[in-house]
N, C-alpha and C. Protein backbone atom coordinates (compact mmCIF):
# COMPACT_ATOMS: atom_id res chain seq x y z
N MET A 1 0.82 -1.19 0.00
CA MET A 1 0.00 0.00 0.00
C MET A 1 0.86 1.25 0.00
N GLU A 2 1.99 1.18 0.68
CA GLU A 2 2.89 2.32 0.70
C GLU A 2 3.44 2.62 -0.68
N TRP A 3 3.72 1.55 -1.42
CA TRP A 3 4.28 1.75 -2.76
C TRP A 3 3.28 2.48 -3.66
N LEU A 4 1.96 2.30 -3.42
CA LEU A 4 0.94 3.00 -4.20
C LEU A 4 0.97 4.49 -3.89
N GLN A 5 1.18 4.82 -2.61
CA GLN A 5 1.25 6.23 -2.23
C GLN A 5 2.50 6.88 -2.82
N ILE A 6 3.56 6.13 -2.94
CA ILE A 6 4.81 6.67 -3.47
C ILE A 6 4.74 6.78 -4.99
N LEU A 7 4.28 5.72 -5.67
CA LEU A 7 4.25 5.70 -7.14
C LEU A 7 2.97 6.30 -7.73
N GLY A 8 1.91 6.45 -6.94
CA GLY A 8 0.62 6.96 -7.42
C GLY A 8 0.71 8.29 -8.15
N PRO A 9 1.29 9.31 -7.52
CA PRO A 9 1.38 10.61 -8.21
C PRO A 9 2.21 10.54 -9.50
N THR A 10 3.25 9.75 -9.49
CA THR A 10 4.09 9.61 -10.67
C THR A 10 3.31 8.92 -11.79
N LEU A 11 2.59 7.85 -11.44
CA LEU A 11 1.78 7.15 -12.44
C LEU A 11 0.69 8.05 -13.00
N LEU A 12 0.05 8.83 -12.15
CA LEU A 12 -0.98 9.76 -12.61
C LEU A 12 -0.39 10.81 -13.55
N MET A 13 0.80 11.29 -13.22
CA MET A 13 1.45 12.28 -14.06
C MET A 13 1.80 11.68 -15.43
N VAL A 14 2.32 10.48 -15.45
CA VAL A 14 2.67 9.82 -16.71
C VAL A 14 1.41 9.53 -17.51
N LEU A 15 0.38 9.02 -16.86
CA LEU A 15 -0.88 8.73 -17.53
C LEU A 15 -1.50 10.01 -18.09
N GLY A 16 -1.46 11.07 -17.30
CA GLY A 16 -1.98 12.37 -17.76
C GLY A 16 -1.21 12.87 -18.97
N GLY A 17 0.10 12.69 -18.97
CA GLY A 17 0.94 13.11 -20.10
C GLY A 17 0.61 12.33 -21.36
N ILE A 18 0.39 11.04 -21.21
CA ILE A 18 0.05 10.19 -22.36
C ILE A 18 -1.31 10.61 -22.94
N ILE A 19 -2.28 10.83 -22.07
CA ILE A 19 -3.61 11.24 -22.52
C ILE A 19 -3.53 12.60 -23.21
N THR A 20 -2.79 13.53 -22.62
CA THR A 20 -2.64 14.87 -23.22
C THR A 20 -1.97 14.76 -24.59
N TRP A 21 -0.92 13.97 -24.70
CA TRP A 21 -0.23 13.79 -25.99
C TRP A 21 -1.18 13.21 -27.02
N PHE A 22 -1.98 12.21 -26.63
CA PHE A 22 -2.91 11.57 -27.54
C PHE A 22 -3.95 12.59 -28.04
N ILE A 23 -4.51 13.36 -27.14
CA ILE A 23 -5.51 14.36 -27.53
C ILE A 23 -4.90 15.41 -28.45
N LYS A 24 -3.72 15.89 -28.11
CA LYS A 24 -3.06 16.90 -28.96
C LYS A 24 -2.76 16.35 -30.35
N SER A 25 -2.32 15.10 -30.43
CA SER A 25 -2.01 14.52 -31.75
C SER A 25 -3.27 14.37 -32.58
N LYS A 26 -4.39 14.00 -31.95
CA LYS A 26 -5.66 13.89 -32.69
C LYS A 26 -6.14 15.26 -33.17
N ILE A 27 -6.01 16.26 -32.32
CA ILE A 27 -6.40 17.62 -32.71
C ILE A 27 -5.54 18.11 -33.86
N GLU A 28 -4.26 17.87 -33.79
CA GLU A 28 -3.35 18.29 -34.87
C GLU A 28 -3.66 17.55 -36.17
N GLU A 29 -3.97 16.27 -36.06
CA GLU A 29 -4.35 15.49 -37.24
C GLU A 29 -5.62 16.05 -37.88
N LEU A 30 -6.60 16.39 -37.07
CA LEU A 30 -7.84 16.98 -37.58
C LEU A 30 -7.59 18.33 -38.24
N ARG A 31 -6.73 19.14 -37.64
CA ARG A 31 -6.39 20.45 -38.24
C ARG A 31 -5.71 20.27 -39.59
N THR A 32 -4.82 19.31 -39.69
CA THR A 32 -4.14 19.05 -40.95
C THR A 32 -5.12 18.61 -42.02
N ILE A 33 -6.02 17.72 -41.67
CA ILE A 33 -7.03 17.26 -42.62
C ILE A 33 -7.94 18.41 -43.05
N GLU A 34 -8.34 19.22 -42.08
CA GLU A 34 -9.21 20.36 -42.39
C GLU A 34 -8.51 21.37 -43.29
N GLU A 35 -7.23 21.60 -43.05
CA GLU A 35 -6.47 22.54 -43.89
C GLU A 35 -6.35 22.01 -45.33
N LYS A 36 -6.11 20.72 -45.47
CA LYS A 36 -6.04 20.12 -46.80
C LYS A 36 -7.39 20.23 -47.51
N LEU A 37 -8.47 19.98 -46.79
CA LEU A 37 -9.81 20.11 -47.36
C LEU A 37 -10.09 21.55 -47.76
N ARG A 38 -9.70 22.51 -46.92
CA ARG A 38 -9.90 23.92 -47.23
C ARG A 38 -9.14 24.31 -48.50
N GLU A 39 -7.92 23.81 -48.63
CA GLU A 39 -7.12 24.10 -49.83
C GLU A 39 -7.75 23.47 -51.07
N GLU A 40 -8.23 22.24 -50.94
CA GLU A 40 -8.91 21.57 -52.06
C GLU A 40 -10.16 22.34 -52.46
N ARG A 41 -10.92 22.77 -51.46
CA ARG A 41 -12.12 23.57 -51.74
C ARG A 41 -11.76 24.86 -52.45
N ARG A 42 -10.73 25.53 -51.96
CA ARG A 42 -10.31 26.80 -52.56
C ARG A 42 -9.99 26.60 -54.04
N ASN A 43 -9.29 25.54 -54.37
CA ASN A 43 -8.95 25.26 -55.78
C ASN A 43 -10.19 24.97 -56.61
N ILE A 44 -11.07 24.14 -56.06
CA ILE A 44 -12.30 23.80 -56.80
C ILE A 44 -13.16 25.05 -56.99
N TYR A 45 -13.31 25.85 -55.94
CA TYR A 45 -14.12 27.06 -56.05
C TYR A 45 -13.55 28.01 -57.11
N ALA A 46 -12.24 28.14 -57.15
CA ALA A 46 -11.62 29.02 -58.16
C ALA A 46 -11.91 28.52 -59.56
N GLN A 47 -11.85 27.21 -59.76
CA GLN A 47 -12.13 26.64 -61.09
C GLN A 47 -13.60 26.79 -61.46
N ILE A 48 -14.49 26.64 -60.48
CA ILE A 48 -15.92 26.79 -60.74
C ILE A 48 -16.25 28.24 -61.11
N LEU A 49 -15.60 29.19 -60.48
CA LEU A 49 -15.88 30.60 -60.71
C LEU A 49 -15.23 31.15 -61.98
N ASP A 50 -14.20 30.48 -62.47
CA ASP A 50 -13.41 31.00 -63.60
C ASP A 50 -14.24 31.42 -64.82
N PRO A 51 -15.14 30.59 -65.34
CA PRO A 51 -15.91 31.03 -66.52
C PRO A 51 -16.75 32.28 -66.27
N TYR A 52 -17.29 32.38 -65.06
CA TYR A 52 -18.12 33.53 -64.73
C TYR A 52 -17.27 34.80 -64.60
N ILE A 53 -16.09 34.65 -64.05
CA ILE A 53 -15.18 35.79 -63.94
C ILE A 53 -14.77 36.24 -65.34
N ARG A 54 -14.49 35.28 -66.22
CA ARG A 54 -14.18 35.61 -67.61
C ARG A 54 -15.34 36.34 -68.27
N LEU A 55 -16.54 35.90 -67.97
CA LEU A 55 -17.73 36.52 -68.54
C LEU A 55 -17.82 37.99 -68.12
N PHE A 56 -17.60 38.26 -66.85
CA PHE A 56 -17.64 39.65 -66.37
C PHE A 56 -16.48 40.47 -66.92
N ALA A 57 -15.34 39.85 -67.12
CA ALA A 57 -14.16 40.57 -67.59
C ALA A 57 -14.21 40.87 -69.08
N ASP A 58 -14.95 40.08 -69.84
CA ASP A 58 -14.90 40.15 -71.30
C ASP A 58 -16.30 40.20 -71.90
N MET A 59 -17.18 40.99 -71.32
CA MET A 59 -18.57 41.04 -71.75
C MET A 59 -18.74 41.49 -73.20
N LYS A 60 -17.95 42.44 -73.65
CA LYS A 60 -18.17 43.03 -74.96
C LYS A 60 -17.64 42.18 -76.10
N GLU A 61 -16.58 41.45 -75.85
CA GLU A 61 -15.97 40.68 -76.94
C GLU A 61 -16.63 39.32 -77.05
N LYS A 62 -15.92 38.28 -76.72
CA LYS A 62 -16.43 36.93 -76.90
C LYS A 62 -16.96 36.33 -75.60
N GLY A 63 -17.12 37.14 -74.57
CA GLY A 63 -17.48 36.72 -73.22
C GLY A 63 -18.49 35.60 -73.10
N PRO A 64 -19.74 35.81 -73.49
CA PRO A 64 -20.75 34.77 -73.26
C PRO A 64 -20.44 33.46 -73.97
N ASP A 65 -19.98 33.52 -75.21
CA ASP A 65 -19.69 32.28 -75.94
C ASP A 65 -18.52 31.52 -75.32
N GLU A 66 -17.49 32.26 -74.95
CA GLU A 66 -16.31 31.64 -74.34
C GLU A 66 -16.67 31.03 -72.98
N ALA A 67 -17.45 31.75 -72.18
CA ALA A 67 -17.85 31.24 -70.87
C ALA A 67 -18.70 29.98 -71.03
N LEU A 68 -19.63 29.99 -71.96
CA LEU A 68 -20.49 28.82 -72.19
C LEU A 68 -19.66 27.63 -72.65
N LYS A 69 -18.67 27.88 -73.49
CA LYS A 69 -17.80 26.80 -73.95
C LYS A 69 -17.04 26.19 -72.76
N LEU A 70 -16.58 27.03 -71.85
CA LEU A 70 -15.89 26.52 -70.66
C LEU A 70 -16.83 25.73 -69.76
N ILE A 71 -18.03 26.25 -69.56
CA ILE A 71 -18.98 25.61 -68.66
C ILE A 71 -19.43 24.24 -69.18
N THR A 72 -19.47 24.09 -70.47
CA THR A 72 -19.90 22.80 -71.04
C THR A 72 -18.74 21.84 -71.30
N SER A 73 -17.53 22.25 -70.96
CA SER A 73 -16.36 21.40 -71.21
C SER A 73 -16.29 20.23 -70.21
N TYR A 74 -15.56 19.21 -70.61
CA TYR A 74 -15.34 18.04 -69.75
C TYR A 74 -14.66 18.44 -68.45
N ASP A 75 -13.61 19.26 -68.55
CA ASP A 75 -12.86 19.66 -67.36
C ASP A 75 -13.74 20.40 -66.35
N TYR A 76 -14.61 21.27 -66.87
CA TYR A 76 -15.49 22.01 -65.97
C TYR A 76 -16.50 21.06 -65.30
N ARG A 77 -17.04 20.14 -66.07
CA ARG A 77 -17.99 19.16 -65.51
C ARG A 77 -17.31 18.31 -64.44
N LYS A 78 -16.06 17.98 -64.68
CA LYS A 78 -15.29 17.21 -63.70
C LYS A 78 -15.10 18.03 -62.42
N THR A 79 -14.81 19.30 -62.59
CA THR A 79 -14.67 20.19 -61.43
C THR A 79 -15.99 20.32 -60.69
N ALA A 80 -17.10 20.42 -61.42
CA ALA A 80 -18.42 20.49 -60.79
C ALA A 80 -18.70 19.21 -59.99
N PHE A 81 -18.27 18.09 -60.53
CA PHE A 81 -18.42 16.83 -59.81
C PHE A 81 -17.62 16.87 -58.51
N ASN A 82 -16.38 17.38 -58.59
CA ASN A 82 -15.55 17.51 -57.39
C ASN A 82 -16.16 18.48 -56.39
N LEU A 83 -16.83 19.50 -56.90
CA LEU A 83 -17.51 20.44 -56.02
C LEU A 83 -18.56 19.70 -55.19
N ASN A 84 -19.29 18.80 -55.82
CA ASN A 84 -20.29 18.02 -55.09
C ASN A 84 -19.67 17.14 -54.01
N LEU A 85 -18.44 16.71 -54.22
CA LEU A 85 -17.77 15.86 -53.24
C LEU A 85 -17.10 16.65 -52.12
N PHE A 86 -16.46 17.76 -52.47
CA PHE A 86 -15.63 18.48 -51.50
C PHE A 86 -16.23 19.80 -51.01
N GLY A 87 -17.15 20.37 -51.76
CA GLY A 87 -17.71 21.66 -51.38
C GLY A 87 -18.60 21.56 -50.16
N SER A 88 -18.75 22.69 -49.48
CA SER A 88 -19.66 22.71 -48.33
C SER A 88 -21.09 22.55 -48.85
N ASP A 89 -21.97 22.13 -47.99
CA ASP A 89 -23.37 21.92 -48.38
C ASP A 89 -23.98 23.20 -48.96
N ASP A 90 -23.74 24.32 -48.30
CA ASP A 90 -24.34 25.58 -48.75
C ASP A 90 -23.80 26.02 -50.11
N VAL A 91 -22.52 25.77 -50.36
CA VAL A 91 -21.94 26.12 -51.66
C VAL A 91 -22.53 25.22 -52.75
N VAL A 92 -22.64 23.94 -52.47
CA VAL A 92 -23.21 23.02 -53.46
C VAL A 92 -24.65 23.42 -53.78
N LEU A 93 -25.44 23.74 -52.76
CA LEU A 93 -26.83 24.15 -52.99
C LEU A 93 -26.90 25.45 -53.80
N ALA A 94 -26.05 26.42 -53.47
CA ALA A 94 -26.04 27.68 -54.20
C ALA A 94 -25.64 27.46 -55.66
N TYR A 95 -24.64 26.62 -55.89
CA TYR A 95 -24.21 26.32 -57.25
C TYR A 95 -25.32 25.61 -58.02
N ASN A 96 -25.96 24.65 -57.37
CA ASN A 96 -27.05 23.92 -58.03
C ASN A 96 -28.19 24.86 -58.41
N ASN A 97 -28.52 25.79 -57.52
CA ASN A 97 -29.58 26.76 -57.82
C ASN A 97 -29.20 27.66 -59.00
N LEU A 98 -27.94 28.07 -59.05
CA LEU A 98 -27.46 28.89 -60.16
C LEU A 98 -27.55 28.11 -61.47
N MET A 99 -27.10 26.88 -61.46
CA MET A 99 -27.13 26.07 -62.68
C MET A 99 -28.56 25.75 -63.09
N LYS A 100 -29.41 25.47 -62.13
CA LYS A 100 -30.82 25.19 -62.44
C LYS A 100 -31.45 26.39 -63.14
N HIS A 101 -31.18 27.58 -62.64
CA HIS A 101 -31.71 28.80 -63.26
C HIS A 101 -31.11 28.99 -64.66
N THR A 102 -29.82 28.70 -64.79
CA THR A 102 -29.16 28.83 -66.09
C THR A 102 -29.79 27.89 -67.11
N TYR A 103 -30.00 26.64 -66.71
CA TYR A 103 -30.60 25.67 -67.63
C TYR A 103 -32.03 26.05 -67.97
N ALA A 104 -32.78 26.54 -67.00
CA ALA A 104 -34.17 26.96 -67.25
C ALA A 104 -34.19 28.15 -68.20
N GLY A 105 -33.23 29.05 -68.08
CA GLY A 105 -33.14 30.21 -68.98
C GLY A 105 -32.79 29.81 -70.39
N GLU A 106 -31.97 28.77 -70.53
CA GLU A 106 -31.62 28.29 -71.87
C GLU A 106 -32.84 27.68 -72.56
N ALA A 107 -33.69 27.05 -71.79
CA ALA A 107 -34.85 26.35 -72.35
C ALA A 107 -35.95 27.31 -72.79
N THR A 108 -35.97 28.49 -72.21
CA THR A 108 -37.03 29.45 -72.55
C THR A 108 -36.41 30.79 -72.90
N GLU A 109 -37.22 31.66 -73.40
CA GLU A 109 -36.77 33.02 -73.69
C GLU A 109 -36.95 33.93 -72.49
N ASN A 110 -37.53 33.42 -71.44
CA ASN A 110 -37.82 34.20 -70.25
C ASN A 110 -36.62 34.17 -69.31
N LYS A 111 -35.61 34.95 -69.62
CA LYS A 111 -34.40 35.00 -68.80
C LYS A 111 -34.50 36.18 -67.85
N ASP A 112 -34.20 35.95 -66.60
CA ASP A 112 -34.27 36.98 -65.58
C ASP A 112 -32.86 37.30 -65.11
N PRO A 113 -32.23 38.36 -65.64
CA PRO A 113 -30.85 38.66 -65.26
C PRO A 113 -30.71 39.04 -63.79
N ASN A 114 -31.74 39.66 -63.22
CA ASN A 114 -31.67 40.02 -61.80
C ASN A 114 -31.60 38.76 -60.93
N LYS A 115 -32.40 37.78 -61.26
CA LYS A 115 -32.39 36.51 -60.52
C LYS A 115 -31.03 35.83 -60.69
N MET A 116 -30.51 35.86 -61.90
CA MET A 116 -29.20 35.26 -62.17
C MET A 116 -28.12 35.93 -61.32
N MET A 117 -28.16 37.26 -61.26
CA MET A 117 -27.16 37.98 -60.46
C MET A 117 -27.31 37.66 -58.98
N LEU A 118 -28.54 37.56 -58.51
CA LEU A 118 -28.78 37.23 -57.11
C LEU A 118 -28.22 35.84 -56.79
N LEU A 119 -28.43 34.89 -57.69
CA LEU A 119 -27.91 33.54 -57.49
C LEU A 119 -26.38 33.51 -57.55
N TRP A 120 -25.81 34.31 -58.44
CA TRP A 120 -24.34 34.43 -58.55
C TRP A 120 -23.78 35.01 -57.26
N GLY A 121 -24.41 36.07 -56.76
CA GLY A 121 -23.99 36.68 -55.50
C GLY A 121 -24.11 35.71 -54.34
N LYS A 122 -25.17 34.92 -54.32
CA LYS A 122 -25.37 33.91 -53.27
C LYS A 122 -24.25 32.87 -53.31
N LEU A 123 -23.88 32.43 -54.50
CA LEU A 123 -22.78 31.47 -54.64
C LEU A 123 -21.49 32.07 -54.09
N LEU A 124 -21.19 33.29 -54.47
CA LEU A 124 -19.97 33.95 -53.98
C LEU A 124 -19.99 34.06 -52.45
N LEU A 125 -21.14 34.43 -51.91
CA LEU A 125 -21.27 34.59 -50.47
C LEU A 125 -21.07 33.25 -49.75
N GLU A 126 -21.65 32.20 -50.28
CA GLU A 126 -21.50 30.89 -49.65
C GLU A 126 -20.06 30.38 -49.74
N ILE A 127 -19.38 30.70 -50.83
CA ILE A 127 -17.96 30.33 -50.94
C ILE A 127 -17.16 31.09 -49.89
N ARG A 128 -17.46 32.37 -49.75
CA ARG A 128 -16.78 33.20 -48.73
C ARG A 128 -16.95 32.58 -47.34
N LYS A 129 -18.16 32.19 -47.01
CA LYS A 129 -18.44 31.58 -45.71
C LYS A 129 -17.71 30.25 -45.56
N SER A 130 -17.70 29.47 -46.63
CA SER A 130 -17.08 28.15 -46.59
C SER A 130 -15.57 28.23 -46.36
N LEU A 131 -14.97 29.33 -46.80
CA LEU A 131 -13.52 29.47 -46.67
C LEU A 131 -13.10 30.15 -45.37
N GLY A 132 -14.04 30.31 -44.45
CA GLY A 132 -13.65 30.78 -43.12
C GLY A 132 -14.31 32.05 -42.64
N ASN A 133 -15.08 32.72 -43.46
CA ASN A 133 -15.74 33.96 -43.04
C ASN A 133 -17.20 33.70 -42.67
N LYS A 134 -17.39 32.79 -41.73
CA LYS A 134 -18.74 32.35 -41.38
C LYS A 134 -19.63 33.47 -40.84
N ASN A 135 -19.04 34.42 -40.16
CA ASN A 135 -19.83 35.49 -39.54
C ASN A 135 -19.86 36.76 -40.37
N THR A 136 -19.69 36.63 -41.68
CA THR A 136 -19.67 37.80 -42.54
C THR A 136 -21.00 38.56 -42.43
N LYS A 137 -20.91 39.85 -42.56
CA LYS A 137 -22.11 40.69 -42.52
C LYS A 137 -22.52 41.12 -43.94
N LEU A 138 -21.80 40.63 -44.93
CA LEU A 138 -22.11 40.96 -46.32
C LEU A 138 -23.32 40.17 -46.79
N ASP A 139 -23.98 40.69 -47.84
CA ASP A 139 -25.07 39.94 -48.45
C ASP A 139 -24.73 39.69 -49.93
N GLU A 140 -25.68 39.10 -50.65
CA GLU A 140 -25.44 38.72 -52.04
C GLU A 140 -25.06 39.92 -52.90
N PHE A 141 -25.72 41.04 -52.68
CA PHE A 141 -25.46 42.22 -53.49
C PHE A 141 -24.11 42.86 -53.15
N ASP A 142 -23.71 42.77 -51.89
CA ASP A 142 -22.39 43.28 -51.51
C ASP A 142 -21.29 42.52 -52.26
N MET A 143 -21.52 41.24 -52.51
CA MET A 143 -20.53 40.43 -53.21
C MET A 143 -20.40 40.84 -54.68
N LEU A 144 -21.41 41.52 -55.22
CA LEU A 144 -21.42 41.89 -56.63
C LEU A 144 -21.04 43.35 -56.89
N ARG A 145 -21.00 44.17 -55.86
CA ARG A 145 -20.79 45.62 -56.04
C ARG A 145 -19.54 45.97 -56.84
N ALA A 146 -18.48 45.23 -56.66
CA ALA A 146 -17.24 45.54 -57.38
C ALA A 146 -17.30 45.13 -58.84
N MET A 147 -18.21 44.23 -59.19
CA MET A 147 -18.28 43.72 -60.56
C MET A 147 -19.34 44.40 -61.41
N ILE A 148 -20.39 44.90 -60.77
CA ILE A 148 -21.52 45.46 -61.52
C ILE A 148 -21.72 46.89 -61.06
N LYS A 149 -21.45 47.83 -61.97
CA LYS A 149 -21.44 49.24 -61.57
C LYS A 149 -22.82 49.77 -61.18
N ASP A 150 -23.89 49.29 -61.75
CA ASP A 150 -25.21 49.81 -61.42
C ASP A 150 -26.04 48.81 -60.60
N ILE A 151 -25.37 48.07 -59.72
CA ILE A 151 -26.05 47.06 -58.90
C ILE A 151 -27.12 47.68 -58.02
N ASP A 152 -26.88 48.90 -57.52
CA ASP A 152 -27.86 49.52 -56.63
C ASP A 152 -29.16 49.83 -57.37
N LYS A 153 -29.09 50.17 -58.64
CA LYS A 153 -30.31 50.39 -59.43
C LYS A 153 -31.11 49.10 -59.56
N LEU A 154 -30.39 48.01 -59.79
CA LEU A 154 -31.05 46.72 -59.95
C LEU A 154 -31.69 46.24 -58.66
N VAL A 155 -31.06 46.56 -57.54
CA VAL A 155 -31.57 46.14 -56.24
C VAL A 155 -32.90 46.82 -55.96
N HIS A 156 -33.02 48.06 -56.36
CA HIS A 156 -34.21 48.84 -56.03
C HIS A 156 -35.31 48.76 -57.09
N GLU A 157 -35.10 47.97 -58.12
CA GLU A 157 -36.14 47.82 -59.15
C GLU A 157 -37.20 46.84 -58.71
């Protein structure tokens, strides 16, 4: 019994150290995995946004045709598939809503550019949140202000 009193504190200290090391290693492993996932998401999001950024940058020249060609390409479809696997739920839903509206607009002549811009802004906002800005105070239109000079007119229509 005396040996327990002598070795008890030492055993508790060693056991506590082992438990602490185990917990720290698991936390570090989770951080590493999360960082890799965040980097993968960042790459996928950039590839998904690329045709739309080109569209905004080159509206007067070949913009719409070039963007459509990119969006219908194999590589883009592969990236969209990866988005479904690696993207956050909210980003995937926002992207799906944007594409659904795009496909519906192609099928009819009733295209609503305001709705399209709102969906585009929502996608950008959800990507922003997914990459770490969860408590952002921005909204869909704030995400578009730098790209569309008369966004405030469209908001108030």
